N, C-alpha and C. Protein backbone atom coordinates (compact mmCIF):
# COMPACT_ATOMS: atom_id res chain seq x y z
N MET A 1 0.84 -1.19 0.00
CA MET A 1 0.00 0.00 0.00
C MET A 1 0.88 1.24 0.00
N LEU A 2 0.58 2.15 -0.92
CA LEU A 2 1.32 3.41 -0.98
C LEU A 2 0.55 4.51 -0.27
N ILE A 3 1.28 5.31 0.48
CA ILE A 3 0.70 6.47 1.17
C ILE A 3 1.40 7.70 0.63
N VAL A 4 0.67 8.57 -0.03
CA VAL A 4 1.24 9.78 -0.61
C VAL A 4 0.60 10.98 0.08
N GLU A 5 1.45 11.83 0.67
CA GLU A 5 0.96 12.95 1.46
C GLU A 5 1.61 14.26 1.03
N ALA A 6 0.84 15.33 1.08
CA ALA A 6 1.39 16.67 0.94
C ALA A 6 1.99 17.07 2.28
N VAL A 7 3.26 17.47 2.27
CA VAL A 7 3.94 17.76 3.53
C VAL A 7 4.66 19.10 3.47
N LEU A 8 4.80 19.72 4.65
CA LEU A 8 5.64 20.89 4.82
C LEU A 8 6.86 20.48 5.63
N GLU A 9 8.03 21.00 5.25
CA GLU A 9 9.25 20.71 6.00
C GLU A 9 9.38 21.70 7.16
N THR A 10 9.73 21.18 8.32
CA THR A 10 9.91 22.04 9.48
C THR A 10 11.24 22.77 9.38
N ALA A 11 11.27 23.97 9.93
CA ALA A 11 12.47 24.81 9.87
C ALA A 11 13.49 24.36 10.92
N ASP A 12 14.76 24.75 10.71
CA ASP A 12 15.79 24.41 11.70
C ASP A 12 15.69 25.31 12.92
N ALA A 13 15.16 26.49 12.76
CA ALA A 13 15.01 27.41 13.89
C ALA A 13 13.84 28.34 13.61
N ALA A 14 12.64 27.82 13.83
CA ALA A 14 11.44 28.61 13.54
C ALA A 14 11.30 29.77 14.50
N ASN A 15 10.75 30.87 14.00
CA ASN A 15 10.49 32.02 14.84
C ASN A 15 9.28 31.76 15.73
N ALA A 16 9.26 32.44 16.87
CA ALA A 16 8.15 32.28 17.80
C ALA A 16 6.87 32.82 17.18
N VAL A 17 5.74 32.20 17.52
CA VAL A 17 4.45 32.65 17.00
C VAL A 17 3.48 32.85 18.16
N PRO A 18 2.58 33.82 18.04
CA PRO A 18 1.65 34.13 19.12
C PRO A 18 0.34 33.34 19.03
N TRP A 19 0.40 32.06 18.65
CA TRP A 19 -0.79 31.20 18.64
C TRP A 19 -0.32 29.77 18.92
N PRO A 20 -1.23 28.89 19.33
CA PRO A 20 -0.85 27.51 19.69
C PRO A 20 -0.33 26.72 18.50
N VAL A 21 0.78 26.02 18.71
CA VAL A 21 1.37 25.19 17.66
C VAL A 21 1.87 23.88 18.26
N THR A 22 1.91 22.85 17.43
CA THR A 22 2.56 21.61 17.80
C THR A 22 4.06 21.81 17.74
N THR A 23 4.78 21.32 18.73
CA THR A 23 6.23 21.40 18.72
C THR A 23 6.77 20.32 17.80
N LEU A 24 7.50 20.73 16.78
CA LEU A 24 8.02 19.80 15.79
C LEU A 24 9.53 19.83 15.78
N PRO A 25 10.18 18.68 15.60
CA PRO A 25 11.64 18.68 15.49
C PRO A 25 12.08 19.31 14.17
N PRO A 26 13.29 19.86 14.12
CA PRO A 26 13.76 20.45 12.86
C PRO A 26 13.98 19.38 11.79
N TYR A 27 13.82 19.78 10.55
CA TYR A 27 14.03 18.92 9.40
C TYR A 27 13.15 17.67 9.44
N ALA A 28 11.93 17.84 9.90
CA ALA A 28 10.92 16.80 9.85
C ALA A 28 9.83 17.26 8.90
N PHE A 29 8.74 16.50 8.83
CA PHE A 29 7.68 16.85 7.88
C PHE A 29 6.32 16.80 8.56
N LEU A 30 5.49 17.76 8.22
CA LEU A 30 4.14 17.86 8.73
C LEU A 30 3.18 17.58 7.59
N ALA A 31 2.38 16.51 7.72
CA ALA A 31 1.42 16.15 6.68
C ALA A 31 0.18 17.02 6.78
N LEU A 32 -0.31 17.48 5.64
CA LEU A 32 -1.47 18.35 5.58
C LEU A 32 -2.71 17.55 5.16
N SER A 33 -3.82 17.80 5.84
CA SER A 33 -5.08 17.15 5.49
C SER A 33 -6.21 17.88 6.17
N GLY A 34 -7.41 17.40 5.98
CA GLY A 34 -8.56 17.98 6.64
C GLY A 34 -8.84 17.38 8.00
N HIS A 35 -7.91 16.57 8.51
CA HIS A 35 -8.10 15.89 9.79
C HIS A 35 -7.04 16.30 10.81
N MET A 36 -6.39 17.43 10.60
CA MET A 36 -5.32 17.88 11.48
C MET A 36 -5.90 18.49 12.76
N PRO A 37 -5.27 18.22 13.92
CA PRO A 37 -5.68 18.94 15.13
C PRO A 37 -5.32 20.41 15.02
N GLU A 38 -5.96 21.23 15.84
CA GLU A 38 -5.78 22.67 15.74
C GLU A 38 -4.32 23.08 15.90
N SER A 39 -3.58 22.40 16.79
CA SER A 39 -2.18 22.78 17.00
C SER A 39 -1.32 22.47 15.77
N ASP A 40 -1.68 21.42 15.01
CA ASP A 40 -0.96 21.13 13.77
C ASP A 40 -1.27 22.18 12.70
N VAL A 41 -2.51 22.62 12.65
CA VAL A 41 -2.86 23.70 11.72
C VAL A 41 -2.08 24.95 12.08
N GLY A 42 -1.99 25.24 13.38
CA GLY A 42 -1.19 26.39 13.82
C GLY A 42 0.26 26.25 13.42
N ALA A 43 0.80 25.03 13.53
CA ALA A 43 2.19 24.80 13.11
C ALA A 43 2.35 25.03 11.62
N ALA A 44 1.39 24.57 10.83
CA ALA A 44 1.45 24.80 9.38
C ALA A 44 1.42 26.28 9.05
N MET A 45 0.58 27.04 9.76
CA MET A 45 0.52 28.48 9.53
C MET A 45 1.85 29.15 9.91
N ALA A 46 2.47 28.64 10.97
CA ALA A 46 3.77 29.17 11.36
C ALA A 46 4.81 28.91 10.29
N LEU A 47 4.81 27.69 9.73
CA LEU A 47 5.78 27.35 8.70
C LEU A 47 5.55 28.17 7.43
N LEU A 48 4.29 28.35 7.05
CA LEU A 48 3.99 29.09 5.82
C LEU A 48 4.33 30.57 5.93
N THR A 49 4.21 31.12 7.13
CA THR A 49 4.47 32.56 7.30
C THR A 49 5.84 32.85 7.90
N ASP A 50 6.65 31.83 8.13
CA ASP A 50 7.92 32.05 8.83
C ASP A 50 8.91 32.88 8.01
N TRP A 51 8.81 32.80 6.68
CA TRP A 51 9.68 33.61 5.82
C TRP A 51 9.49 35.10 6.10
N PHE A 52 8.34 35.46 6.64
CA PHE A 52 7.97 36.87 6.80
C PHE A 52 7.93 37.27 8.27
N ALA A 53 8.67 36.52 9.11
CA ALA A 53 8.59 36.76 10.54
C ALA A 53 9.68 37.68 11.07
N THR A 54 10.74 37.91 10.32
CA THR A 54 11.83 38.76 10.78
C THR A 54 11.50 40.22 10.56
N ASP A 55 11.57 41.01 11.62
CA ASP A 55 11.26 42.43 11.51
C ASP A 55 12.33 43.13 10.67
N PRO A 56 11.95 43.92 9.65
CA PRO A 56 12.94 44.57 8.78
C PRO A 56 13.95 45.43 9.53
N ASP A 57 13.55 46.07 10.64
CA ASP A 57 14.51 46.91 11.35
C ASP A 57 15.27 46.14 12.40
N ASP A 58 15.11 44.81 12.41
CA ASP A 58 15.87 43.93 13.31
C ASP A 58 15.72 44.36 14.77
N SER A 59 14.53 44.79 15.12
CA SER A 59 14.30 45.27 16.48
C SER A 59 14.07 44.16 17.47
N GLY A 60 13.88 42.95 16.97
CA GLY A 60 13.60 41.84 17.85
C GLY A 60 12.13 41.67 18.17
N ARG A 61 11.30 42.56 17.69
CA ARG A 61 9.87 42.46 17.92
C ARG A 61 9.31 41.24 17.20
N VAL A 62 8.46 40.49 17.88
CA VAL A 62 7.82 39.32 17.27
C VAL A 62 6.57 39.78 16.52
N PRO A 63 6.56 39.69 15.20
CA PRO A 63 5.37 40.12 14.46
C PRO A 63 4.16 39.29 14.85
N ASP A 64 3.01 39.94 14.98
CA ASP A 64 1.80 39.20 15.31
C ASP A 64 1.25 38.52 14.06
N ALA A 65 0.16 37.77 14.24
CA ALA A 65 -0.41 37.02 13.12
C ALA A 65 -0.76 37.93 11.96
N ALA A 66 -1.37 39.07 12.24
CA ALA A 66 -1.79 39.98 11.18
C ALA A 66 -0.60 40.48 10.37
N GLU A 67 0.52 40.78 11.05
CA GLU A 67 1.70 41.28 10.34
C GLU A 67 2.33 40.19 9.47
N ARG A 68 2.41 38.98 10.01
CA ARG A 68 2.98 37.89 9.23
C ARG A 68 2.13 37.62 7.99
N VAL A 69 0.84 37.61 8.17
CA VAL A 69 -0.06 37.35 7.04
C VAL A 69 -0.01 38.49 6.04
N ARG A 70 0.05 39.72 6.53
CA ARG A 70 0.13 40.86 5.63
C ARG A 70 1.36 40.76 4.74
N ARG A 71 2.48 40.36 5.31
CA ARG A 71 3.71 40.24 4.53
C ARG A 71 3.62 39.10 3.53
N LEU A 72 2.98 38.01 3.92
CA LEU A 72 2.82 36.90 2.98
C LEU A 72 1.96 37.33 1.79
N ILE A 73 0.87 38.01 2.06
CA ILE A 73 -0.01 38.46 0.98
C ILE A 73 0.73 39.39 0.02
N ALA A 74 1.67 40.16 0.55
CA ALA A 74 2.39 41.14 -0.27
C ALA A 74 3.55 40.52 -1.05
N CYS A 75 3.90 39.26 -0.80
CA CYS A 75 5.05 38.66 -1.47
C CYS A 75 4.70 38.31 -2.92
N ASP A 76 5.73 38.02 -3.71
CA ASP A 76 5.51 37.68 -5.12
C ASP A 76 4.81 36.34 -5.27
N ARG A 77 5.25 35.36 -4.47
CA ARG A 77 4.64 34.02 -4.53
C ARG A 77 4.92 33.31 -3.22
N VAL A 78 3.92 32.60 -2.73
CA VAL A 78 4.10 31.81 -1.51
C VAL A 78 5.04 30.64 -1.81
N VAL A 79 6.07 30.50 -0.98
CA VAL A 79 7.01 29.39 -1.10
C VAL A 79 6.84 28.51 0.13
N ALA A 80 6.60 27.22 -0.09
CA ALA A 80 6.32 26.30 1.01
C ALA A 80 7.28 25.12 0.93
N SER A 81 8.34 25.14 1.72
CA SER A 81 9.31 24.05 1.70
C SER A 81 8.62 22.73 2.01
N GLY A 82 8.80 21.78 1.14
CA GLY A 82 8.14 20.49 1.30
C GLY A 82 7.82 19.90 -0.06
N GLY A 83 6.71 19.20 -0.16
CA GLY A 83 6.33 18.55 -1.41
C GLY A 83 5.46 17.35 -1.14
N LEU A 84 5.70 16.28 -1.88
CA LEU A 84 4.96 15.04 -1.68
C LEU A 84 5.86 13.99 -1.06
N ARG A 85 5.37 13.36 0.00
CA ARG A 85 6.07 12.26 0.66
C ARG A 85 5.39 10.96 0.26
N VAL A 86 6.19 10.00 -0.20
CA VAL A 86 5.67 8.71 -0.66
C VAL A 86 6.20 7.62 0.24
N ARG A 87 5.29 6.85 0.83
CA ARG A 87 5.67 5.75 1.72
C ARG A 87 5.07 4.45 1.23
N ASP A 88 5.91 3.42 1.15
CA ASP A 88 5.45 2.08 0.81
C ASP A 88 5.30 1.32 2.12
N ALA A 89 4.06 1.11 2.55
CA ALA A 89 3.82 0.46 3.83
C ALA A 89 4.31 -0.98 3.84
N ALA A 90 4.37 -1.62 2.69
CA ALA A 90 4.80 -3.02 2.62
C ALA A 90 6.30 -3.17 2.80
N THR A 91 7.08 -2.27 2.19
CA THR A 91 8.54 -2.39 2.25
C THR A 91 9.17 -1.47 3.28
N GLY A 92 8.44 -0.45 3.72
CA GLY A 92 8.99 0.51 4.67
C GLY A 92 9.81 1.61 4.03
N VAL A 93 9.92 1.62 2.70
CA VAL A 93 10.69 2.64 2.00
C VAL A 93 9.88 3.94 1.94
N THR A 94 10.54 5.04 2.32
CA THR A 94 9.90 6.36 2.29
C THR A 94 10.75 7.31 1.46
N VAL A 95 10.11 8.00 0.55
CA VAL A 95 10.78 9.01 -0.27
C VAL A 95 10.25 10.37 0.16
N THR A 96 11.15 11.21 0.68
CA THR A 96 10.75 12.53 1.16
C THR A 96 11.30 13.62 0.24
N PRO A 97 10.67 14.79 0.21
CA PRO A 97 11.20 15.89 -0.61
C PRO A 97 12.58 16.32 -0.12
N GLY A 98 13.45 16.64 -1.06
CA GLY A 98 14.76 17.14 -0.69
C GLY A 98 14.75 18.65 -0.50
N CYS A 99 15.90 19.18 -0.13
CA CYS A 99 16.04 20.62 0.06
C CYS A 99 15.72 21.35 -1.24
N CYS A 100 15.09 22.49 -1.12
CA CYS A 100 14.72 23.35 -2.25
C CYS A 100 13.54 22.81 -3.06
N CYS A 101 12.91 21.75 -2.58
CA CYS A 101 11.66 21.30 -3.20
C CYS A 101 10.52 22.04 -2.51
N GLY A 102 9.53 22.45 -3.27
CA GLY A 102 8.44 23.23 -2.71
C GLY A 102 7.08 22.60 -2.95
N LEU A 103 6.23 22.65 -1.94
CA LEU A 103 4.89 22.11 -2.08
C LEU A 103 4.11 22.86 -3.16
N GLU A 104 4.47 24.11 -3.41
CA GLU A 104 3.76 24.89 -4.42
C GLU A 104 3.90 24.26 -5.83
N ASP A 105 4.86 23.35 -5.98
CA ASP A 105 5.09 22.71 -7.28
C ASP A 105 4.58 21.28 -7.32
N TRP A 106 3.67 20.90 -6.41
CA TRP A 106 3.24 19.51 -6.34
C TRP A 106 2.60 19.00 -7.63
N ARG A 107 1.99 19.89 -8.40
CA ARG A 107 1.36 19.45 -9.65
C ARG A 107 2.38 19.10 -10.73
N GLU A 108 3.65 19.41 -10.50
CA GLU A 108 4.68 19.01 -11.46
C GLU A 108 4.71 17.50 -11.65
N TRP A 109 4.21 16.76 -10.65
CA TRP A 109 4.18 15.30 -10.77
C TRP A 109 3.35 14.85 -11.97
N LEU A 110 2.46 15.68 -12.45
CA LEU A 110 1.68 15.34 -13.64
C LEU A 110 2.57 15.10 -14.85
N ARG A 111 3.75 15.70 -14.86
CA ARG A 111 4.67 15.53 -15.98
C ARG A 111 5.12 14.09 -16.14
N LEU A 112 5.07 13.33 -15.03
CA LEU A 112 5.48 11.93 -15.11
C LEU A 112 4.57 11.11 -16.02
N LEU A 113 3.34 11.59 -16.23
CA LEU A 113 2.43 10.89 -17.13
C LEU A 113 2.96 10.87 -18.55
N ASP A 114 3.78 11.87 -18.89
CA ASP A 114 4.40 11.95 -20.21
C ASP A 114 5.84 11.47 -20.20
N GLY A 115 6.27 10.92 -19.05
CA GLY A 115 7.64 10.44 -18.94
C GLY A 115 8.67 11.53 -18.72
N ASP A 116 8.23 12.75 -18.42
CA ASP A 116 9.16 13.86 -18.22
C ASP A 116 9.71 13.87 -16.80
N PRO A 117 10.94 14.37 -16.59
CA PRO A 117 11.54 14.39 -15.26
C PRO A 117 10.87 15.41 -14.34
N VAL A 118 10.96 15.14 -13.05
CA VAL A 118 10.41 16.03 -12.03
C VAL A 118 11.50 16.29 -10.99
N TYR A 119 11.68 17.55 -10.62
CA TYR A 119 12.69 17.90 -9.62
C TYR A 119 12.12 17.68 -8.23
N LEU A 120 12.82 16.88 -7.41
CA LEU A 120 12.35 16.55 -6.07
C LEU A 120 13.30 17.05 -4.98
N GLY A 121 14.23 17.94 -5.34
CA GLY A 121 15.11 18.53 -4.34
C GLY A 121 16.44 17.81 -4.22
N HIS A 122 17.26 18.27 -3.26
CA HIS A 122 18.60 17.69 -3.06
C HIS A 122 18.89 17.59 -1.57
N ASP A 123 19.89 16.76 -1.25
CA ASP A 123 20.34 16.58 0.15
C ASP A 123 19.21 16.25 1.12
N PRO A 124 18.55 15.10 1.00
CA PRO A 124 18.78 14.05 0.00
C PRO A 124 18.26 14.45 -1.37
N THR A 125 18.69 13.66 -2.36
CA THR A 125 18.29 13.93 -3.73
C THR A 125 17.46 12.76 -4.23
N PRO A 126 16.15 12.80 -4.04
CA PRO A 126 15.31 11.69 -4.49
C PRO A 126 15.46 11.48 -6.00
N ARG A 127 15.44 10.23 -6.37
CA ARG A 127 15.55 9.89 -7.79
C ARG A 127 14.21 9.33 -8.27
N VAL A 128 13.78 9.79 -9.41
CA VAL A 128 12.52 9.30 -9.98
C VAL A 128 12.75 9.02 -11.46
N GLU A 129 12.19 7.91 -11.91
CA GLU A 129 12.27 7.59 -13.33
C GLU A 129 11.01 6.85 -13.74
N VAL A 130 10.64 7.03 -14.98
CA VAL A 130 9.50 6.33 -15.55
C VAL A 130 10.03 5.24 -16.46
N ASP A 131 9.70 4.00 -16.14
CA ASP A 131 10.15 2.85 -16.91
C ASP A 131 8.91 2.13 -17.45
N GLY A 132 8.54 2.47 -18.68
CA GLY A 132 7.33 1.90 -19.24
C GLY A 132 6.10 2.40 -18.51
N GLN A 133 5.39 1.50 -17.86
CA GLN A 133 4.17 1.86 -17.15
C GLN A 133 4.37 1.92 -15.64
N VAL A 134 5.62 2.00 -15.21
CA VAL A 134 5.93 2.04 -13.77
C VAL A 134 6.81 3.24 -13.46
N ILE A 135 6.43 3.96 -12.40
CA ILE A 135 7.27 5.03 -11.87
C ILE A 135 8.07 4.46 -10.72
N ARG A 136 9.38 4.65 -10.74
CA ARG A 136 10.24 4.18 -9.66
C ARG A 136 10.81 5.39 -8.91
N LEU A 137 10.77 5.33 -7.59
CA LEU A 137 11.25 6.42 -6.74
C LEU A 137 12.23 5.86 -5.72
N TRP A 138 13.39 6.52 -5.62
CA TRP A 138 14.38 6.18 -4.62
C TRP A 138 14.56 7.35 -3.65
N PRO A 139 14.81 7.09 -2.37
CA PRO A 139 15.00 8.18 -1.41
C PRO A 139 16.18 9.09 -1.72
N ASP A 140 17.20 8.56 -2.44
CA ASP A 140 18.39 9.35 -2.74
C ASP A 140 19.03 8.77 -3.99
N GLY A 141 20.04 9.49 -4.48
CA GLY A 141 20.76 8.99 -5.65
C GLY A 141 20.39 9.65 -6.95
N GLY A 142 19.66 10.75 -6.88
CA GLY A 142 19.21 11.43 -8.09
C GLY A 142 20.33 12.02 -8.92
N ASP A 143 21.49 12.31 -8.30
CA ASP A 143 22.60 12.91 -9.04
C ASP A 143 23.46 11.88 -9.74
N GLY A 144 23.26 10.61 -9.39
CA GLY A 144 24.10 9.56 -9.96
C GLY A 144 23.68 9.17 -11.36
N THR A 145 24.62 8.57 -12.10
CA THR A 145 24.32 8.12 -13.45
C THR A 145 23.78 6.70 -13.46
N GLU A 146 24.00 5.95 -12.37
CA GLU A 146 23.51 4.59 -12.28
C GLU A 146 22.36 4.52 -11.27
N ARG A 147 21.51 3.53 -11.46
CA ARG A 147 20.42 3.33 -10.52
C ARG A 147 20.95 2.99 -9.13
N PRO A 148 20.33 3.53 -8.09
CA PRO A 148 20.72 3.12 -6.74
C PRO A 148 20.43 1.64 -6.54
N GLU A 149 21.22 1.01 -5.66
CA GLU A 149 21.02 -0.41 -5.39
C GLU A 149 19.84 -0.64 -4.46
N ALA A 150 19.44 0.37 -3.71
CA ALA A 150 18.34 0.22 -2.76
C ALA A 150 17.03 -0.07 -3.49
N GLN A 151 16.10 -0.64 -2.76
CA GLN A 151 14.79 -0.95 -3.32
C GLN A 151 13.99 0.33 -3.52
N PRO A 152 13.41 0.53 -4.71
CA PRO A 152 12.62 1.74 -4.95
C PRO A 152 11.17 1.55 -4.54
N VAL A 153 10.47 2.65 -4.46
CA VAL A 153 9.01 2.62 -4.38
C VAL A 153 8.49 2.56 -5.81
N ARG A 154 7.56 1.66 -6.04
CA ARG A 154 7.00 1.50 -7.39
C ARG A 154 5.56 1.99 -7.42
N LEU A 155 5.28 2.82 -8.41
CA LEU A 155 3.93 3.36 -8.58
C LEU A 155 3.52 3.20 -10.03
N PRO A 156 2.46 2.44 -10.30
CA PRO A 156 2.00 2.34 -11.69
C PRO A 156 1.62 3.72 -12.24
N VAL A 157 2.02 4.00 -13.45
CA VAL A 157 1.71 5.28 -14.06
C VAL A 157 0.20 5.49 -14.08
N SER A 158 -0.55 4.44 -14.30
CA SER A 158 -2.01 4.56 -14.37
C SER A 158 -2.63 4.97 -13.04
N ASP A 159 -1.91 4.74 -11.94
CA ASP A 159 -2.43 5.10 -10.61
C ASP A 159 -2.14 6.56 -10.25
N LEU A 160 -1.24 7.21 -10.98
CA LEU A 160 -0.81 8.55 -10.60
C LEU A 160 -1.95 9.57 -10.57
N PRO A 161 -2.84 9.62 -11.57
CA PRO A 161 -3.93 10.60 -11.48
C PRO A 161 -4.76 10.45 -10.21
N GLY A 162 -5.09 9.23 -9.84
CA GLY A 162 -5.85 9.01 -8.62
C GLY A 162 -5.09 9.43 -7.37
N VAL A 163 -3.79 9.15 -7.37
CA VAL A 163 -2.95 9.56 -6.24
C VAL A 163 -2.97 11.08 -6.10
N LEU A 164 -2.82 11.78 -7.19
CA LEU A 164 -2.79 13.24 -7.13
C LEU A 164 -4.15 13.83 -6.79
N ARG A 165 -5.22 13.17 -7.21
CA ARG A 165 -6.55 13.63 -6.80
C ARG A 165 -6.72 13.48 -5.29
N SER A 166 -6.18 12.40 -4.73
CA SER A 166 -6.24 12.21 -3.28
C SER A 166 -5.43 13.29 -2.56
N VAL A 167 -4.26 13.63 -3.11
CA VAL A 167 -3.45 14.71 -2.53
C VAL A 167 -4.23 16.02 -2.56
N ARG A 168 -4.88 16.29 -3.68
CA ARG A 168 -5.67 17.53 -3.80
C ARG A 168 -6.81 17.54 -2.78
N THR A 169 -7.43 16.40 -2.54
CA THR A 169 -8.49 16.32 -1.54
C THR A 169 -7.95 16.66 -0.16
N ASP A 170 -6.76 16.13 0.17
CA ASP A 170 -6.13 16.45 1.45
C ASP A 170 -5.83 17.95 1.55
N LEU A 171 -5.33 18.52 0.47
CA LEU A 171 -4.99 19.94 0.49
C LEU A 171 -6.24 20.81 0.61
N ARG A 172 -7.31 20.40 -0.02
CA ARG A 172 -8.56 21.16 0.12
C ARG A 172 -9.09 21.07 1.55
N GLY A 173 -8.93 19.90 2.17
CA GLY A 173 -9.32 19.76 3.56
C GLY A 173 -8.49 20.63 4.47
N PHE A 174 -7.18 20.67 4.19
CA PHE A 174 -6.30 21.55 4.97
C PHE A 174 -6.70 23.00 4.78
N LEU A 175 -7.02 23.39 3.55
CA LEU A 175 -7.39 24.78 3.29
C LEU A 175 -8.63 25.17 4.09
N ALA A 176 -9.57 24.24 4.24
CA ALA A 176 -10.77 24.53 5.03
C ALA A 176 -10.41 24.77 6.50
N LEU A 177 -9.47 23.97 7.03
CA LEU A 177 -9.03 24.18 8.41
C LEU A 177 -8.25 25.48 8.54
N ALA A 178 -7.45 25.79 7.52
CA ALA A 178 -6.69 27.04 7.53
C ALA A 178 -7.63 28.24 7.52
N ALA A 179 -8.77 28.11 6.83
CA ALA A 179 -9.74 29.20 6.80
C ALA A 179 -10.31 29.46 8.20
N ARG A 180 -10.54 28.40 8.96
CA ARG A 180 -11.02 28.57 10.34
C ARG A 180 -9.96 29.29 11.17
N TRP A 181 -8.70 28.90 10.97
CA TRP A 181 -7.61 29.56 11.69
C TRP A 181 -7.58 31.05 11.33
N ALA A 182 -7.68 31.35 10.05
CA ALA A 182 -7.63 32.74 9.60
C ALA A 182 -8.80 33.55 10.15
N ASP A 183 -10.00 32.95 10.16
CA ASP A 183 -11.16 33.65 10.71
C ASP A 183 -10.97 34.00 12.18
N ARG A 184 -10.21 33.18 12.87
CA ARG A 184 -10.00 33.41 14.30
C ARG A 184 -8.89 34.42 14.57
N TYR A 185 -7.78 34.31 13.82
CA TYR A 185 -6.59 35.09 14.16
C TYR A 185 -6.38 36.32 13.27
N VAL A 186 -6.86 36.27 12.04
CA VAL A 186 -6.69 37.42 11.13
C VAL A 186 -7.99 37.65 10.37
N PRO A 187 -9.09 37.89 11.05
CA PRO A 187 -10.40 37.96 10.38
C PRO A 187 -10.48 38.99 9.26
N SER A 188 -9.82 40.12 9.43
CA SER A 188 -9.92 41.16 8.41
C SER A 188 -9.13 40.80 7.14
N GLN A 189 -8.20 39.86 7.26
CA GLN A 189 -7.38 39.46 6.12
C GLN A 189 -7.70 38.06 5.64
N ALA A 190 -8.65 37.41 6.29
CA ALA A 190 -8.89 35.98 6.06
C ALA A 190 -9.18 35.67 4.59
N ALA A 191 -10.09 36.41 3.98
CA ALA A 191 -10.48 36.10 2.61
C ALA A 191 -9.30 36.23 1.65
N GLU A 192 -8.54 37.31 1.78
CA GLU A 192 -7.41 37.53 0.88
C GLU A 192 -6.30 36.52 1.14
N PHE A 193 -6.09 36.19 2.41
CA PHE A 193 -5.07 35.21 2.79
C PHE A 193 -5.39 33.84 2.20
N MET A 194 -6.63 33.40 2.35
CA MET A 194 -7.00 32.08 1.85
C MET A 194 -6.98 32.03 0.33
N ALA A 195 -7.37 33.11 -0.31
CA ALA A 195 -7.32 33.15 -1.77
C ALA A 195 -5.88 33.03 -2.25
N ARG A 196 -4.96 33.65 -1.51
CA ARG A 196 -3.54 33.61 -1.89
C ARG A 196 -2.97 32.21 -1.71
N LEU A 197 -3.29 31.56 -0.59
CA LEU A 197 -2.81 30.20 -0.38
C LEU A 197 -3.38 29.26 -1.44
N ASP A 198 -4.65 29.41 -1.72
CA ASP A 198 -5.31 28.56 -2.71
C ASP A 198 -4.66 28.72 -4.07
N ALA A 199 -4.41 29.95 -4.47
CA ALA A 199 -3.84 30.21 -5.79
C ALA A 199 -2.39 29.76 -5.88
N ASP A 200 -1.56 30.14 -4.90
CA ASP A 200 -0.13 29.88 -5.00
C ASP A 200 0.23 28.43 -4.74
N LEU A 201 -0.55 27.72 -3.93
CA LEU A 201 -0.31 26.30 -3.72
C LEU A 201 -1.11 25.45 -4.71
N GLU A 202 -1.85 26.10 -5.59
CA GLU A 202 -2.58 25.44 -6.68
C GLU A 202 -3.46 24.31 -6.13
N ILE A 203 -4.32 24.68 -5.22
CA ILE A 203 -5.18 23.68 -4.55
C ILE A 203 -6.53 23.55 -5.24
N GLY A 204 -7.22 24.64 -5.44
CA GLY A 204 -8.60 24.58 -5.89
C GLY A 204 -8.79 24.32 -7.37
N ALA A 205 -7.82 24.67 -8.18
CA ALA A 205 -7.98 24.50 -9.63
C ALA A 205 -8.16 23.03 -9.99
N PRO A 206 -8.97 22.73 -11.01
CA PRO A 206 -9.16 21.34 -11.41
C PRO A 206 -7.83 20.67 -11.76
N LEU A 207 -7.76 19.38 -11.48
CA LEU A 207 -6.55 18.62 -11.75
C LEU A 207 -6.65 18.02 -13.14
N THR A 208 -5.94 18.59 -14.09
CA THR A 208 -6.00 18.13 -15.48
C THR A 208 -4.95 17.05 -15.71
N THR A 209 -5.41 15.87 -16.09
CA THR A 209 -4.49 14.75 -16.27
C THR A 209 -4.41 14.28 -17.70
N SER A 210 -4.90 15.08 -18.61
CA SER A 210 -4.84 14.66 -20.02
C SER A 210 -4.60 15.86 -20.91
């Protein structure tokens, strides 16, 4: 059984936030869905807005929720460190996004339907290849010229559209929970904030697989 999840990568030194969050270890992953407890939703909001948490005048002031969200809305594009995590429950092999992989690019996986390469980050550097009707994924070894010796995760190409539809369902569920968070902590910015997350993380748009 394959488990494919949309995940955010935790920061090595996240800034303090003025709302409840789950304490997460650095360089771990937080799975997004419509079944997250409130503290996990708070942690996701912290990760998404952490890029905008440093005060420009370096005064040490901790920006409140409204300030963090205002800065995110004003940015060129929301960047969300993470991506898709693939776990094979039968073999125990897990492929996680590497550094510089972003959840905002999760729909790039659609390119695998045409056999095109997909960037999954580095350090580790996940390797992905399409061999006929099977997608093979390795946790590392993407920079090498030879296949890794480790056992890959195998995903039939025909299953990929359904997998990505499931990911989109999880992201839409997360977006609904994020809207509740926004209504509580940034009510005056909630509509614009949610529209920005929806657009930049490409959640609501139909998933075109042909």
